[in-house]
Amino acid sequence: MTTNSPAVSTSSEKRGITELRAEARLQRAELASTLDAIEYKFNLPKQFRIKRRRLTHALRQLGEDNPVALVGIAFGAATVVGVIVWFGASAVVKNR
């Protein structure tokens, strides 16, 4: 006959509780990560702020590393806006 000694069952129960607590900690961390991902996906203003900060940082970095390229990009953007405004104004004047 086998008998369970109290020391053996307590030790295995304690190890089981420790493992369960560790598992619960891991599951909580995974759940928090999942909730953060869901919040990021559906929080459009936050996404916009993050992307704007990244763009601002990238442009500043480009300005420090290669200011000529930054001036070229600014000139190209200004040209595109100017052409759009020109065509828009021309269309309005023609329709009078």
Foldseek 3Di string as FASTA:
>chain_A
DDDDDPVVVVVVVVVVVVVVVVVVVVVVVVVVVVVVVVCCVPVVVVVVVVVVVVVVVVLVVCCVVPVVVSVVVVVVVVVVVVVVVVVVVVVVVVVD
